[in-house]
C-alpha atoms as a PDB file:
ATOM      1  CA  MET A   1    -169.650  49.554 279.876  1.00  0.00           C
ATOM      2  CA  GLU A   2    -169.722  50.324 276.157  1.00  0.00           C
ATOM      3  CA  CYS A   3    -171.515  48.002 273.755  1.00  0.00           C
ATOM      4  CA  ILE A   4    -169.063  45.608 272.078  1.00  0.00           C
ATOM      5  CA  PHE A   5    -170.695  46.010 268.650  1.00  0.00           C
ATOM      6  CA  CYS A   6    -170.647  49.813 268.967  1.00  0.00           C
ATOM      7  CA  SER A   7    -166.926  49.528 269.802  1.00  0.00           C
ATOM      8  CA  ILE A   8    -166.318  47.349 266.734  1.00  0.00           C
ATOM      9  CA  ALA A   9    -168.232  49.809 264.530  1.00  0.00           C
ATOM     10  CA  ALA A  10    -166.122  52.663 265.954  1.00  0.00           C
ATOM     11  CA  LYS A  11    -162.933  50.647 265.235  1.00  0.00           C
ATOM     12  CA  LYS A  12    -162.051  50.567 268.948  1.00  0.00           C
ATOM     13  CA  LEU A  13    -162.095  46.747 268.871  1.00  0.00           C
ATOM     14  CA  PRO A  14    -160.870  44.472 266.070  1.00  0.00           C
ATOM     15  CA  ALA A  15    -163.039  42.246 263.927  1.00  0.00           C
ATOM     16  CA  THR A  16    -162.599  40.423 260.636  1.00  0.00           C
ATOM     17  CA  MET A  17    -164.697  42.785 258.539  1.00  0.00           C
ATOM     18  CA  VAL A  18    -166.275  41.653 255.297  1.00  0.00           C
ATOM     19  CA  PHE A  19    -168.421  44.732 254.645  1.00  0.00           C
ATOM     20  CA  GLU A  20    -168.967  48.302 255.795  1.00  0.00           C
ATOM     21  CA  ASP A  21    -171.081  51.208 254.601  1.00  0.00           C
ATOM     22  CA  GLU A  22    -172.636  54.245 256.298  1.00  0.00           C
ATOM     23  CA  ALA A  23    -175.348  52.182 258.032  1.00  0.00           C
ATOM     24  CA  LEU A  24    -173.974  48.652 258.566  1.00  0.00           C
ATOM     25  CA  ILE A  25    -170.927  46.562 259.318  1.00  0.00           C
ATOM     26  CA  ALA A  26    -170.543  42.845 258.699  1.00  0.00           C
ATOM     27  CA  PHE A  27    -167.867  40.645 260.191  1.00  0.00           C
ATOM     28  CA  GLN A  28    -167.046  37.039 260.984  1.00  0.00           C
ATOM     29  CA  ASP A  29    -168.493  35.641 264.201  1.00  0.00           C
ATOM     30  CA  ILE A  30    -165.725  34.723 266.667  1.00  0.00           C
ATOM     31  CA  HIS A  31    -167.693  31.620 267.711  1.00  0.00           C
ATOM     32  CA  PRO A  32    -168.946  30.335 264.337  1.00  0.00           C
ATOM     33  CA  LYS A  33    -171.808  27.862 264.228  1.00  0.00           C
ATOM     34  CA  ALA A  34    -171.297  27.098 260.515  1.00  0.00           C
ATOM     35  CA  ALA A  35    -168.603  27.179 257.839  1.00  0.00           C
ATOM     36  CA  VAL A  36    -169.792  30.723 257.062  1.00  0.00           C
ATOM     37  CA  HIS A  37    -171.079  32.687 260.041  1.00  0.00           C
ATOM     38  CA  LEU A  38    -171.250  36.435 259.602  1.00  0.00           C
ATOM     39  CA  LEU A  39    -172.838  39.071 261.807  1.00  0.00           C
ATOM     40  CA  ILE A  40    -174.571  42.004 260.138  1.00  0.00           C
ATOM     41  CA  VAL A  41    -174.785  44.877 262.581  1.00  0.00           C
ATOM     42  CA  PRO A  42    -176.291  48.353 262.273  1.00  0.00           C
ATOM     43  CA  LYS A  43    -173.971  51.173 263.317  1.00  0.00           C
ATOM     44  CA  VAL A  44    -176.825  52.867 265.147  1.00  0.00           C
ATOM     45  CA  HIS A  45    -177.434  51.215 268.511  1.00  0.00           C
ATOM     46  CA  ARG A  46    -180.684  49.356 269.002  1.00  0.00           C
ATOM     47  CA  SER A  47    -180.687  46.900 271.902  1.00  0.00           C
ATOM     48  CA  SER A  48    -182.754  44.324 270.033  1.00  0.00           C
ATOM     49  CA  LEU A  49    -185.388  43.806 267.378  1.00  0.00           C
ATOM     50  CA  ALA A  50    -187.926  44.479 270.138  1.00  0.00           C
ATOM     51  CA  GLU A  51    -186.651  48.078 270.317  1.00  0.00           C
ATOM     52  CA  THR A  52    -187.225  48.824 266.624  1.00  0.00           C
ATOM     53  CA  THR A  53    -190.118  50.867 265.270  1.00  0.00           C
ATOM     54  CA  LEU A  54    -191.573  51.621 261.855  1.00  0.00           C
ATOM     55  CA  GLU A  55    -188.872  54.286 261.573  1.00  0.00           C
ATOM     56  CA  ASP A  56    -186.323  51.420 261.423  1.00  0.00           C
ATOM     57  CA  THR A  57    -187.999  49.737 258.436  1.00  0.00           C
ATOM     58  CA  GLU A  58    -185.354  50.934 255.972  1.00  0.00           C
ATOM     59  CA  LEU A  59    -182.516  49.803 258.254  1.00  0.00           C
ATOM     60  CA  LEU A  60    -184.057  46.353 258.718  1.00  0.00           C
ATOM     61  CA  GLY A  61    -184.533  46.060 254.963  1.00  0.00           C
ATOM     62  CA  GLN A  62    -180.897  47.012 254.428  1.00  0.00           C
ATOM     63  CA  MET A  63    -179.829  44.270 256.843  1.00  0.00           C
ATOM     64  CA  LEU A  64    -181.788  41.621 254.939  1.00  0.00           C
ATOM     65  CA  THR A  65    -180.657  42.842 251.531  1.00  0.00           C
ATOM     66  CA  ARG A  66    -177.043  42.916 252.693  1.00  0.00           C
ATOM     67  CA  ALA A  67    -177.435  39.338 253.987  1.00  0.00           C
ATOM     68  CA  ARG A  68    -178.490  38.219 250.508  1.00  0.00           C
ATOM     69  CA  GLU A  69    -175.596  40.070 248.867  1.00  0.00           C
ATOM     70  CA  LEU A  70    -173.053  38.681 251.338  1.00  0.00           C
ATOM     71  CA  ALA A  71    -174.421  35.160 250.846  1.00  0.00           C
ATOM     72  CA  GLU A  72    -173.706  35.567 247.136  1.00  0.00           C
ATOM     73  CA  LYS A  73    -170.192  36.915 247.784  1.00  0.00           C
ATOM     74  CA  GLN A  74    -169.466  34.097 250.239  1.00  0.00           C
ATOM     75  CA  GLY A  75    -170.554  31.508 247.651  1.00  0.00           C
ATOM     76  CA  ILE A  76    -173.406  30.115 249.762  1.00  0.00           C
ATOM     77  CA  ALA A  77    -176.440  31.634 248.028  1.00  0.00           C
ATOM     78  CA  GLU A  78    -177.066  28.847 245.537  1.00  0.00           C
ATOM     79  CA  ARG A  79    -177.129  25.992 248.075  1.00  0.00           C
ATOM     80  CA  GLY A  80    -178.950  28.007 250.721  1.00  0.00           C
ATOM     81  CA  TYR A  81    -178.301  29.820 253.953  1.00  0.00           C
ATOM     82  CA  LYS A  82    -179.970  30.755 257.206  1.00  0.00           C
ATOM     83  CA  VAL A  83    -180.702  34.250 258.520  1.00  0.00           C
ATOM     84  CA  VAL A  84    -181.411  34.623 262.249  1.00  0.00           C
ATOM     85  CA  ILE A  85    -182.178  37.538 264.545  1.00  0.00           C
ATOM     86  CA  ASN A  86    -182.176  36.435 268.176  1.00  0.00           C
ATOM     87  CA  THR A  87    -184.252  38.744 270.380  1.00  0.00           C
ATOM     88  CA  GLY A  88    -183.986  38.916 274.154  1.00  0.00           C
ATOM     89  CA  LYS A  89    -182.558  36.452 276.656  1.00  0.00           C
ATOM     90  CA  ASP A  90    -185.104  33.700 275.998  1.00  0.00           C
ATOM     91  CA  GLY A  91    -184.590  34.196 272.260  1.00  0.00           C
ATOM     92  CA  GLY A  92    -180.878  33.469 272.613  1.00  0.00           C
ATOM     93  CA  GLN A  93    -179.599  37.042 272.242  1.00  0.00           C
ATOM     94  CA  ILE A  94    -176.222  37.396 273.962  1.00  0.00           C
ATOM     95  CA  ILE A  95    -175.026  40.834 272.823  1.00  0.00           C
ATOM     96  CA  PRO A  96    -177.590  43.592 273.556  1.00  0.00           C
ATOM     97  CA  HIS A  97    -177.269  45.213 270.119  1.00  0.00           C
ATOM     98  CA  LEU A  98    -179.493  44.326 267.168  1.00  0.00           C
ATOM     99  CA  HIS A  99    -177.663  41.988 264.782  1.00  0.00           C
ATOM    100  CA  LEU A 100    -178.394  39.409 262.135  1.00  0.00           C
ATOM    101  CA  HIS A 101    -176.606  36.061 261.805  1.00  0.00           C
ATOM    102  CA  LEU A 102    -175.871  34.812 258.278  1.00  0.00           C
ATOM    103  CA  LEU A 103    -175.012  31.106 258.320  1.00  0.00           C
ATOM    104  CA  GLY A 104    -174.213  28.704 255.514  1.00  0.00           C
ATOM    105  CA  GLY A 105    -171.610  26.691 253.664  1.00  0.00           C
ATOM    106  CA  GLU A 106    -172.979  23.453 255.102  1.00  0.00           C
ATOM    107  CA  PRO A 107    -176.413  22.085 256.106  1.00  0.00           C
ATOM    108  CA  ILE A 108    -177.766  24.229 258.955  1.00  0.00           C
ATOM    109  CA  HIS A 109    -179.975  22.570 261.535  1.00  0.00           C
ATOM    110  CA  GLY A 110    -181.365  23.818 264.813  1.00  0.00           C
ATOM    111  CA  ALA A 111    -181.209  27.200 266.443  1.00  0.00           C
ATOM    112  CA  VAL A 112    -178.314  29.636 266.625  1.00  0.00           C
END
């Protein structure tokens, strides 16, 4: 079975995209936990943060920088936002593809 995020990146499945470049896509979470809940996903498949190496440093930096830029574009940067990377089953990761949650637009409490 193909990875759902790889299918979204390949435009085989729909998503409400807010950003795309050669390395990343960003789209609205279909089960939002906040007024703004975006997923920032690398186009290259990595199962989780645990699978990354030093060779992925630039990609991980791009994910964090894009989160900051999207927070500004979504109008949540000034009041604050939360960035989360769930890793593995016990860490709350549901989709086995590295992704970053950007949450904001209201006070954020607890885990994602």
